[in-house]
PDB file of N, CA and C in Angstrom:
ATOM      1  N   MET A   1       0.848  -1.168   0.000  1.00  0.00           N
ATOM      2  CA  MET A   1       0.000   0.000   0.000  1.00  0.00           C
ATOM      3  C   MET A   1       0.897   1.234   0.000  1.00  0.00           C
ATOM      4  N   GLY A   2       0.569   2.219  -0.820  1.00  0.00           N
ATOM      5  CA  GLY A   2       1.367   3.432  -0.921  1.00  0.00           C
ATOM      6  C   GLY A   2       1.272   4.288   0.333  1.00  0.00           C
ATOM      7  N   SER A   3       2.235   5.178   0.509  1.00  0.00           N
ATOM      8  CA  SER A   3       2.264   6.007   1.711  1.00  0.00           C
ATOM      9  C   SER A   3       1.057   6.944   1.759  1.00  0.00           C
ATOM     10  N   GLY A   4       0.567   7.396   0.586  1.00  0.00           N
ATOM     11  CA  GLY A   4      -0.606   8.259   0.561  1.00  0.00           C
ATOM     12  C   GLY A   4      -1.833   7.576   1.142  1.00  0.00           C
ATOM     13  N   LYS A   5      -1.966   6.286   0.865  1.00  0.00           N
ATOM     14  CA  LYS A   5      -3.105   5.538   1.400  1.00  0.00           C
ATOM     15  C   LYS A   5      -2.996   5.413   2.915  1.00  0.00           C
ATOM     16  N   TRP A   6      -1.786   5.219   3.410  1.00  0.00           N
ATOM     17  CA  TRP A   6      -1.588   5.118   4.862  1.00  0.00           C
ATOM     18  C   TRP A   6      -1.939   6.429   5.547  1.00  0.00           C
ATOM     19  N   PHE A   7      -1.521   7.560   4.941  1.00  0.00           N
ATOM     20  CA  PHE A   7      -1.849   8.857   5.521  1.00  0.00           C
ATOM     21  C   PHE A   7      -3.359   9.079   5.518  1.00  0.00           C
ATOM     22  N   PHE A   8      -4.008   8.691   4.442  1.00  0.00           N
ATOM     23  CA  PHE A   8      -5.457   8.838   4.358  1.00  0.00           C
ATOM     24  C   PHE A   8      -6.147   8.020   5.444  1.00  0.00           C
ATOM     25  N   LEU A   9      -5.735   6.755   5.585  1.00  0.00           N
ATOM     26  CA  LEU A   9      -6.342   5.896   6.599  1.00  0.00           C
ATOM     27  C   LEU A   9      -6.061   6.418   8.003  1.00  0.00           C
ATOM     28  N   ALA A  10      -4.856   6.928   8.240  1.00  0.00           N
ATOM     29  CA  ALA A  10      -4.526   7.486   9.557  1.00  0.00           C
ATOM     30  C   ALA A  10      -5.391   8.718   9.835  1.00  0.00           C
ATOM     31  N   GLY A  11      -5.586   9.566   8.827  1.00  0.00           N
ATOM     32  CA  GLY A  11      -6.440  10.741   8.991  1.00  0.00           C
ATOM     33  C   GLY A  11      -7.881  10.359   9.272  1.00  0.00           C
ATOM     34  N   MET A  12      -8.362   9.360   8.554  1.00  0.00           N
ATOM     35  CA  MET A  12      -9.736   8.892   8.786  1.00  0.00           C
ATOM     36  C   MET A  12      -9.874   8.337  10.202  1.00  0.00           C
ATOM     37  N   GLY A  13      -8.895   7.574  10.640  1.00  0.00           N
ATOM     38  CA  GLY A  13      -8.934   7.016  11.995  1.00  0.00           C
ATOM     39  C   GLY A  13      -8.898   8.101  13.052  1.00  0.00           C
ATOM     40  N   ALA A  14      -8.017   9.093  12.873  1.00  0.00           N
ATOM     41  CA  ALA A  14      -7.934  10.192  13.836  1.00  0.00           C
ATOM     42  C   ALA A  14      -9.229  10.985  13.846  1.00  0.00           C
ATOM     43  N   GLY A  15      -9.812  11.226  12.667  1.00  0.00           N
ATOM     44  CA  GLY A  15     -11.083  11.949  12.598  1.00  0.00           C
ATOM     45  C   GLY A  15     -12.195  11.189  13.288  1.00  0.00           C
ATOM     46  N   ALA A  16     -12.246   9.890  13.067  1.00  0.00           N
ATOM     47  CA  ALA A  16     -13.279   9.074  13.705  1.00  0.00           C
ATOM     48  C   ALA A  16     -13.096   9.078  15.218  1.00  0.00           C
ATOM     49  N   PHE A  17     -11.849   8.966  15.667  1.00  0.00           N
ATOM     50  CA  PHE A  17     -11.567   8.970  17.105  1.00  0.00           C
ATOM     51  C   PHE A  17     -12.012  10.289  17.740  1.00  0.00           C
ATOM     52  N   LEU A  18     -11.629  11.395  17.087  1.00  0.00           N
ATOM     53  CA  LEU A  18     -11.997  12.702  17.633  1.00  0.00           C
ATOM     54  C   LEU A  18     -13.504  12.924  17.593  1.00  0.00           C
ATOM     55  N   ALA A  19     -14.148  12.486  16.523  1.00  0.00           N
ATOM     56  CA  ALA A  19     -15.595  12.668  16.398  1.00  0.00           C
ATOM     57  C   ALA A  19     -16.341  11.883  17.469  1.00  0.00           C
ATOM     58  N   LEU A  20     -15.846  10.711  17.808  1.00  0.00           N
ATOM     59  CA  LEU A  20     -16.510   9.904  18.828  1.00  0.00           C
ATOM     60  C   LEU A  20     -16.323  10.506  20.216  1.00  0.00           C
ATOM     61  N   ARG A  21     -15.250  11.210  20.447  1.00  0.00           N
ATOM     62  CA  ARG A  21     -14.958  11.778  21.760  1.00  0.00           C
ATOM     63  C   ARG A  21     -15.549  13.176  21.946  1.00  0.00           C
ATOM     64  N   MET A  22     -16.004  13.817  20.875  1.00  0.00           N
ATOM     65  CA  MET A  22     -16.547  15.174  20.979  1.00  0.00           C
ATOM     66  C   MET A  22     -18.038  15.130  21.280  1.00  0.00           C
ATOM     67  N   ASN A  23     -18.492  16.183  21.926  1.00  0.00           N
ATOM     68  CA  ASN A  23     -19.935  16.273  22.135  1.00  0.00           C
ATOM     69  C   ASN A  23     -20.554  17.011  20.940  1.00  0.00           C
ATOM     70  N   GLU A  24     -21.860  17.055  20.912  1.00  0.00           N
ATOM     71  CA  GLU A  24     -22.587  17.635  19.765  1.00  0.00           C
ATOM     72  C   GLU A  24     -22.267  19.114  19.554  1.00  0.00           C
ATOM     73  N   ARG A  25     -22.098  19.853  20.621  1.00  0.00           N
ATOM     74  CA  ARG A  25     -21.824  21.278  20.517  1.00  0.00           C
ATOM     75  C   ARG A  25     -20.466  21.537  19.860  1.00  0.00           C
ATOM     76  N   GLN A  26     -19.477  20.766  20.205  1.00  0.00           N
ATOM     77  CA  GLN A  26     -18.156  20.915  19.595  1.00  0.00           C
ATOM     78  C   GLN A  26     -18.200  20.579  18.111  1.00  0.00           C
ATOM     79  N   ILE A  27     -18.939  19.532  17.756  1.00  0.00           N
ATOM     80  CA  ILE A  27     -19.064  19.134  16.355  1.00  0.00           C
ATOM     81  C   ILE A  27     -19.745  20.231  15.550  1.00  0.00           C
ATOM     82  N   GLU A  28     -20.816  20.819  16.096  1.00  0.00           N
ATOM     83  CA  GLU A  28     -21.518  21.905  15.400  1.00  0.00           C
ATOM     84  C   GLU A  28     -20.619  23.120  15.236  1.00  0.00           C
ATOM     85  N   GLY A  29     -19.775  23.396  16.228  1.00  0.00           N
ATOM     86  CA  GLY A  29     -18.830  24.504  16.128  1.00  0.00           C
ATOM     87  C   GLY A  29     -17.841  24.299  14.992  1.00  0.00           C
ATOM     88  N   ILE A  30     -17.342  23.081  14.844  1.00  0.00           N
ATOM     89  CA  ILE A  30     -16.399  22.763  13.759  1.00  0.00           C
ATOM     90  C   ILE A  30     -17.105  22.872  12.408  1.00  0.00           C
ATOM     91  N   LYS A  31     -18.345  22.380  12.325  1.00  0.00           N
ATOM     92  CA  LYS A  31     -19.103  22.466  11.069  1.00  0.00           C
ATOM     93  C   LYS A  31     -19.319  23.917  10.658  1.00  0.00           C
ATOM     94  N   SER A  32     -19.704  24.765  11.590  1.00  0.00           N
ATOM     95  CA  SER A  32     -19.950  26.165  11.233  1.00  0.00           C
ATOM     96  C   SER A  32     -18.647  26.874  10.850  1.00  0.00           C
ATOM     97  N   PHE A  33     -17.546  26.542  11.536  1.00  0.00           N
ATOM     98  CA  PHE A  33     -16.249  27.133  11.206  1.00  0.00           C
ATOM     99  C   PHE A  33     -15.829  26.759   9.785  1.00  0.00           C
ATOM    100  N   THR A  34     -15.927  25.478   9.430  1.00  0.00           N
ATOM    101  CA  THR A  34     -15.532  25.042   8.085  1.00  0.00           C
ATOM    102  C   THR A  34     -16.469  25.623   7.034  1.00  0.00           C
ATOM    103  N   SER A  35     -17.738  25.784   7.378  1.00  0.00           N
ATOM    104  CA  SER A  35     -18.680  26.382   6.432  1.00  0.00           C
ATOM    105  C   SER A  35     -18.331  27.841   6.162  1.00  0.00           C
ATOM    106  N   ARG A  36     -17.971  28.590   7.218  1.00  0.00           N
ATOM    107  CA  ARG A  36     -17.577  29.993   7.036  1.00  0.00           C
ATOM    108  C   ARG A  36     -16.317  30.100   6.175  1.00  0.00           C
ATOM    109  N   ILE A  37     -15.374  29.205   6.399  1.00  0.00           N
ATOM    110  CA  ILE A  37     -14.133  29.235   5.611  1.00  0.00           C
ATOM    111  C   ILE A  37     -14.422  28.914   4.147  1.00  0.00           C
ATOM    112  N   SER A  38     -15.230  27.875   3.900  1.00  0.00           N
ATOM    113  CA  SER A  38     -15.494  27.472   2.512  1.00  0.00           C
ATOM    114  C   SER A  38     -16.287  28.524   1.748  1.00  0.00           C
ATOM    115  N   GLN A  39     -17.071  29.347   2.438  1.00  0.00           N
ATOM    116  CA  GLN A  39     -17.853  30.384   1.784  1.00  0.00           C
ATOM    117  C   GLN A  39     -17.201  31.756   1.864  1.00  0.00           C
ATOM    118  N   SER A  40     -15.971  31.793   2.340  1.00  0.00           N
ATOM    119  CA  SER A  40     -15.254  33.051   2.496  1.00  0.00           C
ATOM    120  C   SER A  40     -14.982  33.693   1.139  1.00  0.00           C
ATOM    121  N   GLU A  41     -15.153  35.022   1.065  1.00  0.00           N
ATOM    122  CA  GLU A  41     -14.896  35.746  -0.181  1.00  0.00           C
ATOM    123  C   GLU A  41     -13.408  35.683  -0.540  1.00  0.00           C
ATOM    124  N   ASN A  42     -12.542  35.725   0.465  1.00  0.00           N
ATOM    125  CA  ASN A  42     -11.097  35.634   0.198  1.00  0.00           C
ATOM    126  C   ASN A  42     -10.741  34.301  -0.456  1.00  0.00           C
ATOM    127  N   LEU A  43     -11.324  33.219   0.051  1.00  0.00           N
ATOM    128  CA  LEU A  43     -11.062  31.909  -0.515  1.00  0.00           C
ATOM    129  C   LEU A  43     -11.602  31.813  -1.943  1.00  0.00           C
ATOM    130  N   ASN A  44     -12.791  32.330  -2.178  1.00  0.00           N
ATOM    131  CA  ASN A  44     -13.372  32.299  -3.523  1.00  0.00           C
ATOM    132  C   ASN A  44     -12.542  33.121  -4.499  1.00  0.00           C
ATOM    133  N   GLU A  45     -12.054  34.278  -4.059  1.00  0.00           N
ATOM    134  CA  GLU A  45     -11.205  35.111  -4.915  1.00  0.00           C
ATOM    135  C   GLU A  45      -9.891  34.396  -5.235  1.00  0.00           C
ATOM    136  N   ALA A  46      -9.297  33.764  -4.223  1.00  0.00           N
ATOM    137  CA  ALA A  46      -8.054  33.016  -4.444  1.00  0.00           C
ATOM    138  C   ALA A  46      -8.294  31.854  -5.406  1.00  0.00           C
ATOM    139  N   ARG A  47      -9.442  31.210  -5.281  1.00  0.00           N
ATOM    140  CA  ARG A  47      -9.793  30.099  -6.175  1.00  0.00           C
ATOM    141  C   ARG A  47      -9.921  30.598  -7.619  1.00  0.00           C
ATOM    142  N   ARG A  48     -10.572  31.764  -7.805  1.00  0.00           N
ATOM    143  CA  ARG A  48     -10.729  32.323  -9.155  1.00  0.00           C
ATOM    144  C   ARG A  48      -9.367  32.700  -9.759  1.00  0.00           C
ATOM    145  N   ILE A  49      -8.512  33.316  -8.953  1.00  0.00           N
ATOM    146  CA  ILE A  49      -7.182  33.711  -9.440  1.00  0.00           C
ATOM    147  C   ILE A  49      -6.371  32.476  -9.836  1.00  0.00           C
ATOM    148  N   ALA A  50      -6.395  31.456  -8.986  1.00  0.00           N
ATOM    149  CA  ALA A  50      -5.652  30.231  -9.278  1.00  0.00           C
ATOM    150  C   ALA A  50      -6.202  29.553 -10.534  1.00  0.00           C
ATOM    151  N   GLU A  51      -7.508  29.530 -10.678  1.00  0.00           N
ATOM    152  CA  GLU A  51      -8.130  28.921 -11.850  1.00  0.00           C
ATOM    153  C   GLU A  51      -7.725  29.658 -13.128  1.00  0.00           C
ATOM    154  N   ASP A  52      -7.713  30.988 -13.082  1.00  0.00           N
ATOM    155  CA  ASP A  52      -7.305  31.781 -14.245  1.00  0.00           C
ATOM    156  C   ASP A  52      -5.850  31.530 -14.611  1.00  0.00           C
ATOM    157  N   LYS A  53      -4.982  31.469 -13.589  1.00  0.00           N
ATOM    158  CA  LYS A  53      -3.553  31.232 -13.847  1.00  0.00           C
ATOM    159  C   LYS A  53      -3.324  29.853 -14.438  1.00  0.00           C
ATOM    160  N   VAL A  54      -4.010  28.855 -13.892  1.00  0.00           N
ATOM    161  CA  VAL A  54      -3.855  27.487 -14.407  1.00  0.00           C
ATOM    162  C   VAL A  54      -4.363  27.411 -15.843  1.00  0.00           C
ATOM    163  N   THR A  55      -5.499  28.033 -16.124  1.00  0.00           N
ATOM    164  CA  THR A  55      -6.054  28.019 -17.476  1.00  0.00           C
ATOM    165  C   THR A  55      -5.099  28.684 -18.464  1.00  0.00           C
ATOM    166  N   ASP A  56      -4.559  29.847 -18.092  1.00  0.00           N
ATOM    167  CA  ASP A  56      -3.614  30.545 -18.971  1.00  0.00           C
ATOM    168  C   ASP A  56      -2.357  29.712 -19.204  1.00  0.00           C
ATOM    169  N   THR A  57      -1.836  29.115 -18.140  1.00  0.00           N
ATOM    170  CA  THR A  57      -0.634  28.293 -18.262  1.00  0.00           C
ATOM    171  C   THR A  57      -0.882  27.089 -19.161  1.00  0.00           C
ATOM    172  N   LEU A  58      -2.020  26.423 -18.982  1.00  0.00           N
ATOM    173  CA  LEU A  58      -2.335  25.260 -19.816  1.00  0.00           C
ATOM    174  C   LEU A  58      -2.497  25.655 -21.278  1.00  0.00           C
ATOM    175  N   ARG A  59      -3.114  26.786 -21.535  1.00  0.00           N
ATOM    176  CA  ARG A  59      -3.255  27.236 -22.925  1.00  0.00           C
ATOM    177  C   ARG A  59      -1.893  27.502 -23.547  1.00  0.00           C
ATOM    178  N   GLN A  60      -1.031  28.217 -22.815  1.00  0.00           N
ATOM    179  CA  GLN A  60       0.292  28.545 -23.334  1.00  0.00           C
ATOM    180  C   GLN A  60       1.130  27.291 -23.541  1.00  0.00           C
ATOM    181  N   GLN A  61       1.163  26.406 -22.542  1.00  0.00           N
ATOM    182  CA  GLN A  61       1.964  25.193 -22.657  1.00  0.00           C
ATOM    183  C   GLN A  61       1.398  24.265 -23.727  1.00  0.00           C
ATOM    184  N   GLY A  62       0.089  24.212 -23.862  1.00  0.00           N
ATOM    185  CA  GLY A  62      -0.519  23.399 -24.920  1.00  0.00           C
ATOM    186  C   GLY A  62      -0.137  23.919 -26.289  1.00  0.00           C
ATOM    187  N   SER A  63      -0.136  25.226 -26.447  1.00  0.00           N
ATOM    188  CA  SER A  63       0.273  25.833 -27.709  1.00  0.00           C
ATOM    189  C   SER A  63       1.741  25.536 -28.002  1.00  0.00           C
ATOM    190  N   ASN A  64       2.581  25.646 -26.984  1.00  0.00           N
ATOM    191  CA  ASN A  64       4.007  25.329 -27.165  1.00  0.00           C
ATOM    192  C   ASN A  64       4.198  23.871 -27.545  1.00  0.00           C
ATOM    193  N   LEU A  65       3.454  22.981 -26.921  1.00  0.00           N
ATOM    194  CA  LEU A  65       3.568  21.556 -27.218  1.00  0.00           C
ATOM    195  C   LEU A  65       3.146  21.256 -28.648  1.00  0.00           C
ATOM    196  N   VAL A  66       2.045  21.851 -29.090  1.00  0.00           N
ATOM    197  CA  VAL A  66       1.587  21.642 -30.466  1.00  0.00           C
ATOM    198  C   VAL A  66       2.633  22.157 -31.451  1.00  0.00           C
ATOM    199  N   ASP A  67       3.227  23.314 -31.162  1.00  0.00           N
ATOM    200  CA  ASP A  67       4.262  23.860 -32.044  1.00  0.00           C
ATOM    201  C   ASP A  67       5.471  22.933 -32.113  1.00  0.00           C
ATOM    202  N   ARG A  68       5.907  22.412 -30.964  1.00  0.00           N
ATOM    203  CA  ARG A  68       7.060  21.500 -30.957  1.00  0.00           C
ATOM    204  C   ARG A  68       6.757  20.214 -31.713  1.00  0.00           C
ATOM    205  N   LEU A  69       5.549  19.665 -31.523  1.00  0.00           N
ATOM    206  CA  LEU A  69       5.171  18.444 -32.241  1.00  0.00           C
ATOM    207  C   LEU A  69       5.106  18.685 -33.743  1.00  0.00           C
ATOM    208  N   ALA A  70       4.579  19.835 -34.146  1.00  0.00           N
ATOM    209  CA  ALA A  70       4.499  20.165 -35.569  1.00  0.00           C
ATOM    210  C   ALA A  70       5.901  20.305 -36.156  1.00  0.00           C
ATOM    211  N   ASP A  71       6.817  20.955 -35.434  1.00  0.00           N
ATOM    212  CA  ASP A  71       8.198  21.088 -35.918  1.00  0.00           C
ATOM    213  C   ASP A  71       8.864  19.730 -36.063  1.00  0.00           C
ATOM    214  N   ARG A  72       8.674  18.858 -35.087  1.00  0.00           N
ATOM    215  CA  ARG A  72       9.283  17.525 -35.147  1.00  0.00           C
ATOM    216  C   ARG A  72       8.721  16.721 -36.317  1.00  0.00           C
ATOM    217  N   LEU A  73       7.408  16.825 -36.532  1.00  0.00           N
ATOM    218  CA  LEU A  73       6.788  16.113 -37.647  1.00  0.00           C
ATOM    219  C   LEU A  73       7.321  16.624 -38.975  1.00  0.00           C
ATOM    220  N   LYS A  74       7.488  17.954 -39.109  1.00  0.00           N
ATOM    221  CA  LYS A  74       8.051  18.525 -40.330  1.00  0.00           C
ATOM    222  C   LYS A  74       9.475  18.021 -40.559  1.00  0.00           C
ATOM    223  N   GLU A  75      10.278  17.949 -39.482  1.00  0.00           N
ATOM    224  CA  GLU A  75      11.642  17.445 -39.607  1.00  0.00           C
ATOM    225  C   GLU A  75      11.645  16.003 -40.088  1.00  0.00           C
ATOM    226  N   GLN A  76      10.769  15.180 -39.536  1.00  0.00           N
ATOM    227  CA  GLN A  76      10.724  13.778 -39.935  1.00  0.00           C
ATOM    228  C   GLN A  76      10.253  13.627 -41.374  1.00  0.00           C
ATOM    229  N   ILE A  77       9.270  14.412 -41.768  1.00  0.00           N
ATOM    230  CA  ILE A  77       8.781  14.344 -43.149  1.00  0.00           C
ATOM    231  C   ILE A  77       9.865  14.795 -44.113  1.00  0.00           C
ATOM    232  N   ASN A  78      10.573  15.864 -43.773  1.00  0.00           N
ATOM    233  CA  ASN A  78      11.628  16.377 -44.648  1.00  0.00           C
ATOM    234  C   ASN A  78      12.851  15.471 -44.692  1.00  0.00           C
ATOM    235  N   SER A  79      13.039  14.634 -43.675  1.00  0.00           N
ATOM    236  CA  SER A  79      14.214  13.764 -43.657  1.00  0.00           C
ATOM    237  C   SER A  79      14.009  12.478 -44.457  1.00  0.00           C
ATOM    238  N   ILE A  80      12.791  12.207 -44.893  1.00  0.00           N
ATOM    239  CA  ILE A  80      12.527  10.998 -45.672  1.00  0.00           C
ATOM    240  C   ILE A  80      13.108  11.180 -47.063  1.00  0.00           C
ATOM    241  N   ASP A  81      13.912  10.202 -47.490  1.00  0.00           N
ATOM    242  CA  ASP A  81      14.494  10.233 -48.830  1.00  0.00           C
ATOM    243  C   ASP A  81      13.529   9.517 -49.770  1.00  0.00           C
ATOM    244  N   LEU A  82      12.779  10.284 -50.535  1.00  0.00           N
ATOM    245  CA  LEU A  82      11.762   9.713 -51.411  1.00  0.00           C
ATOM    246  C   LEU A  82      12.369   8.915 -52.553  1.00  0.00           C
ATOM    247  N   ASN A  83      13.610   9.163 -52.929  1.00  0.00           N
ATOM    248  CA  ASN A  83      14.243   8.398 -53.991  1.00  0.00           C
ATOM    249  C   ASN A  83      14.457   6.953 -53.569  1.00  0.00           C
ATOM    250  N   ASN A  84      14.797   6.705 -52.329  1.00  0.00           N
ATOM    251  CA  ASN A  84      15.010   5.346 -51.845  1.00  0.00           C
ATOM    252  C   ASN A  84      13.731   4.723 -51.304  1.00  0.00           C
ATOM    253  N   PHE A  85      12.712   5.530 -51.140  1.00  0.00           N
ATOM    254  CA  PHE A  85      11.476   5.041 -50.546  1.00  0.00           C
ATOM    255  C   PHE A  85      10.785   4.022 -51.447  1.00  0.00           C
ATOM    256  N   ALA A  86      10.767   4.233 -52.750  1.00  0.00           N
ATOM    257  CA  ALA A  86      10.038   3.361 -53.668  1.00  0.00           C
ATOM    258  C   ALA A  86      10.868   2.183 -54.145  1.00  0.00           C
ATOM    259  N   LYS A  87      12.184   2.185 -53.931  1.00  0.00           N
ATOM    260  CA  LYS A  87      13.023   1.089 -54.392  1.00  0.00           C
ATOM    261  C   LYS A  87      12.851  -0.118 -53.489  1.00  0.00           C
ATOM    262  N   PRO A  88      12.742  -1.316 -54.096  1.00  0.00           N
ATOM    263  CA  PRO A  88      12.633  -2.512 -53.260  1.00  0.00           C
ATOM    264  C   PRO A  88      13.959  -2.779 -52.561  1.00  0.00           C
ATOM    265  N   ASP A  89      13.867  -3.169 -51.310  1.00  0.00           N
ATOM    266  CA  ASP A  89      15.044  -3.471 -50.508  1.00  0.00           C
ATOM    267  C   ASP A  89      15.272  -4.973 -50.542  1.00  0.00           C
ATOM    268  N   SER A  90      16.509  -5.392 -50.657  1.00  0.00           N
ATOM    269  CA  SER A  90      16.807  -6.819 -50.740  1.00  0.00           C
ATOM    270  C   SER A  90      16.513  -7.519 -49.426  1.00  0.00           C
ATOM    271  N   SER A  91      16.497  -6.786 -48.303  1.00  0.00           N
ATOM    272  CA  SER A  91      16.229  -7.416 -47.013  1.00  0.00           C
ATOM    273  C   SER A  91      14.744  -7.637 -46.787  1.00  0.00           C
ATOM    274  N   VAL A  92      13.894  -6.980 -47.574  1.00  0.00           N
ATOM    275  CA  VAL A  92      12.451  -7.126 -47.431  1.00  0.00           C
ATOM    276  C   VAL A  92      11.973  -8.034 -48.550  1.00  0.00           C
ATOM    277  N   SER A  93      11.198  -9.058 -48.206  1.00  0.00           N
ATOM    278  CA  SER A  93      10.732  -9.986 -49.227  1.00  0.00           C
ATOM    279  C   SER A  93       9.640  -9.331 -50.046  1.00  0.00           C
ATOM    280  N   SER A  94       9.595  -9.646 -51.302  1.00  0.00           N
ATOM    281  CA  SER A  94       8.569  -9.085 -52.177  1.00  0.00           C
ATOM    282  C   SER A  94       7.263  -9.828 -51.976  1.00  0.00           C
ATOM    283  N   ALA A  95       6.224  -9.348 -52.602  1.00  0.00           N
ATOM    284  CA  ALA A  95       4.900  -9.937 -52.431  1.00  0.00           C
ATOM    285  C   ALA A  95       4.855 -11.371 -52.917  1.00  0.00           C
ATOM    286  N   THR A  96       5.680 -11.744 -53.914  1.00  0.00           N
ATOM    287  CA  THR A  96       5.641 -13.113 -54.413  1.00  0.00           C
ATOM    288  C   THR A  96       6.356 -14.071 -53.479  1.00  0.00           C
ATOM    289  N   ASP A  97       7.221 -13.546 -52.568  1.00  0.00           N
ATOM    290  CA  ASP A  97       7.932 -14.406 -51.628  1.00  0.00           C
ATOM    291  C   ASP A  97       7.242 -14.472 -50.278  1.00  0.00           C
ATOM    292  N   SER A  98       6.061 -13.941 -50.176  1.00  0.00           N
ATOM    293  CA  SER A  98       5.370 -13.876 -48.904  1.00  0.00           C
ATOM    294  C   SER A  98       5.075 -15.265 -48.378  1.00  0.00           C
ATOM    295  N   SER A  99       5.096 -15.420 -47.052  1.00  0.00           N
ATOM    296  CA  SER A  99       4.843 -16.731 -46.464  1.00  0.00           C
ATOM    297  C   SER A  99       3.354 -17.045 -46.445  1.00  0.00           C
ATOM    298  N   THR A 100       2.524 -16.061 -46.692  1.00  0.00           N
ATOM    299  CA  THR A 100       1.088 -16.311 -46.809  1.00  0.00           C
ATOM    300  C   THR A 100       0.638 -15.766 -48.144  1.00  0.00           C
ATOM    301  N   THR A 101      -0.142 -16.547 -48.841  1.00  0.00           N
ATOM    302  CA  THR A 101      -0.622 -16.107 -50.149  1.00  0.00           C
ATOM    303  C   THR A 101      -2.128 -15.950 -50.073  1.00  0.00           C
ATOM    304  N   SER A 102      -2.630 -15.001 -50.826  1.00  0.00           N
ATOM    305  CA  SER A 102      -4.072 -14.838 -50.859  1.00  0.00           C
ATOM    306  C   SER A 102      -4.630 -15.701 -51.980  1.00  0.00           C
ATOM    307  N   THR A 103      -5.828 -16.157 -51.797  1.00  0.00           N
ATOM    308  CA  THR A 103      -6.483 -16.980 -52.809  1.00  0.00           C
ATOM    309  C   THR A 103      -7.822 -16.361 -53.129  1.00  0.00           C
ATOM    310  N   MET A 104      -8.362 -16.760 -54.218  1.00  0.00           N
ATOM    311  CA  MET A 104      -9.685 -16.293 -54.590  1.00  0.00           C
ATOM    312  C   MET A 104     -10.700 -16.927 -53.654  1.00  0.00           C
ATOM    313  N   LYS A 105     -11.819 -16.257 -53.465  1.00  0.00           N
ATOM    314  CA  LYS A 105     -12.836 -16.759 -52.548  1.00  0.00           C
ATOM    315  C   LYS A 105     -13.306 -18.143 -52.989  1.00  0.00           C
ATOM    316  N   GLY A 106     -13.364 -19.042 -52.025  1.00  0.00           N
ATOM    317  CA  GLY A 106     -13.822 -20.391 -52.304  1.00  0.00           C
ATOM    318  C   GLY A 106     -12.686 -21.340 -52.640  1.00  0.00           C
ATOM    319  N   ASP A 107     -11.521 -20.806 -52.985  1.00  0.00           N
ATOM    320  CA  ASP A 107     -10.388 -21.666 -53.306  1.00  0.00           C
ATOM    321  C   ASP A 107      -9.677 -22.078 -52.025  1.00  0.00           C
ATOM    322  N   ALA A 108      -9.077 -23.252 -52.048  1.00  0.00           N
ATOM    323  CA  ALA A 108      -8.237 -23.701 -50.945  1.00  0.00           C
ATOM    324  C   ALA A 108      -6.885 -24.030 -51.533  1.00  0.00           C
ATOM    325  N   SER A 109      -5.812 -23.535 -50.905  1.00  0.00           N
ATOM    326  CA  SER A 109      -4.475 -23.823 -51.389  1.00  0.00           C
ATOM    327  C   SER A 109      -3.530 -23.834 -50.212  1.00  0.00           C
ATOM    328  N   THR A 110      -2.284 -24.138 -50.478  1.00  0.00           N
ATOM    329  CA  THR A 110      -1.261 -24.082 -49.439  1.00  0.00           C
ATOM    330  C   THR A 110      -0.193 -23.106 -49.884  1.00  0.00           C
ATOM    331  N   ASP A 111       0.400 -22.415 -48.931  1.00  0.00           N
ATOM    332  CA  ASP A 111       1.491 -21.507 -49.271  1.00  0.00           C
ATOM    333  C   ASP A 111       2.806 -22.248 -49.125  1.00  0.00           C
ATOM    334  N   LYS A 112       3.926 -21.540 -49.292  1.00  0.00           N
ATOM    335  CA  LYS A 112       5.236 -22.202 -49.281  1.00  0.00           C
ATOM    336  C   LYS A 112       5.598 -22.755 -47.906  1.00  0.00           C
ATOM    337  N   ASP A 113       4.946 -22.284 -46.821  1.00  0.00           N
ATOM    338  CA  ASP A 113       5.225 -22.794 -45.484  1.00  0.00           C
ATOM    339  C   ASP A 113       4.343 -23.978 -45.136  1.00  0.00           C
ATOM    340  N   GLY A 114       3.444 -24.356 -46.025  1.00  0.00           N
ATOM    341  CA  GLY A 114       2.572 -25.493 -45.780  1.00  0.00           C
ATOM    342  C   GLY A 114       1.286 -25.128 -45.074  1.00  0.00           C
ATOM    343  N   HIS A 115       0.990 -23.838 -44.899  1.00  0.00           N
ATOM    344  CA  HIS A 115      -0.265 -23.420 -44.273  1.00  0.00           C
ATOM    345  C   HIS A 115      -1.400 -23.598 -45.290  1.00  0.00           C
ATOM    346  N   VAL A 116      -2.542 -24.077 -44.801  1.00  0.00           N
ATOM    347  CA  VAL A 116      -3.712 -24.191 -45.662  1.00  0.00           C
ATOM    348  C   VAL A 116      -4.487 -22.885 -45.569  1.00  0.00           C
ATOM    349  N   ILE A 117      -4.787 -22.309 -46.752  1.00  0.00           N
ATOM    350  CA  ILE A 117      -5.480 -21.030 -46.795  1.00  0.00           C
ATOM    351  C   ILE A 117      -6.814 -21.235 -47.490  1.00  0.00           C
ATOM    352  N   ILE A 118      -7.895 -20.849 -46.801  1.00  0.00           N
ATOM    353  CA  ILE A 118      -9.233 -20.929 -47.373  1.00  0.00           C
ATOM    354  C   ILE A 118      -9.842 -19.545 -47.242  1.00  0.00           C
ATOM    355  N   ASP A 119     -10.347 -19.011 -48.352  1.00  0.00           N
ATOM    356  CA  ASP A 119     -10.951 -17.688 -48.385  1.00  0.00           C
ATOM    357  C   ASP A 119     -10.017 -16.625 -47.812  1.00  0.00           C
ATOM    358  N   GLY A 120      -8.740 -16.741 -48.085  1.00  0.00           N
ATOM    359  CA  GLY A 120      -7.777 -15.759 -47.658  1.00  0.00           C
ATOM    360  C   GLY A 120      -7.370 -15.841 -46.195  1.00  0.00           C
ATOM    361  N   LYS A 121      -7.822 -16.881 -45.467  1.00  0.00           N
ATOM    362  CA  LYS A 121      -7.492 -17.040 -44.056  1.00  0.00           C
ATOM    363  C   LYS A 121      -6.713 -18.336 -43.855  1.00  0.00           C
ATOM    364  N   ILE A 122      -5.672 -18.251 -43.041  1.00  0.00           N
ATOM    365  CA  ILE A 122      -4.883 -19.437 -42.724  1.00  0.00           C
ATOM    366  C   ILE A 122      -5.688 -20.289 -41.735  1.00  0.00           C
ATOM    367  N   VAL A 123      -5.944 -21.553 -42.105  1.00  0.00           N
ATOM    368  CA  VAL A 123      -6.730 -22.415 -41.225  1.00  0.00           C
ATOM    369  C   VAL A 123      -5.878 -23.511 -40.593  1.00  0.00           C
ATOM    370  N   SER A 124      -4.745 -23.832 -41.135  1.00  0.00           N
ATOM    371  CA  SER A 124      -3.845 -24.788 -40.488  1.00  0.00           C
ATOM    372  C   SER A 124      -2.447 -24.673 -41.007  1.00  0.00           C
TER     373      SER A 124
END
């Protein structure tokens, strides 16, 4: 179990222990205090400022990321040698040397590896 889970469980245990030992008046006092804090104008303003900053940062960083990806893609496209792209390579087998051959629908045949092909699918 990760350390975060242990801290969470310890916090839950401490909260349960304290809640069981407190009387109703103390619990209501804590509830009203947390309610005042959560509805505080200062907290709401800080939340709005943080949200605006995060949104602006994400927009800027997203734009930078898209620009970097586009530049990298352009570099890769420009680095492809189209003259060698269409030439057959001796290390790559041609379509006639393929270990699986296609057949016309309804035909059954075997390829050079001994696989039985029916309707273009290897069955054994």
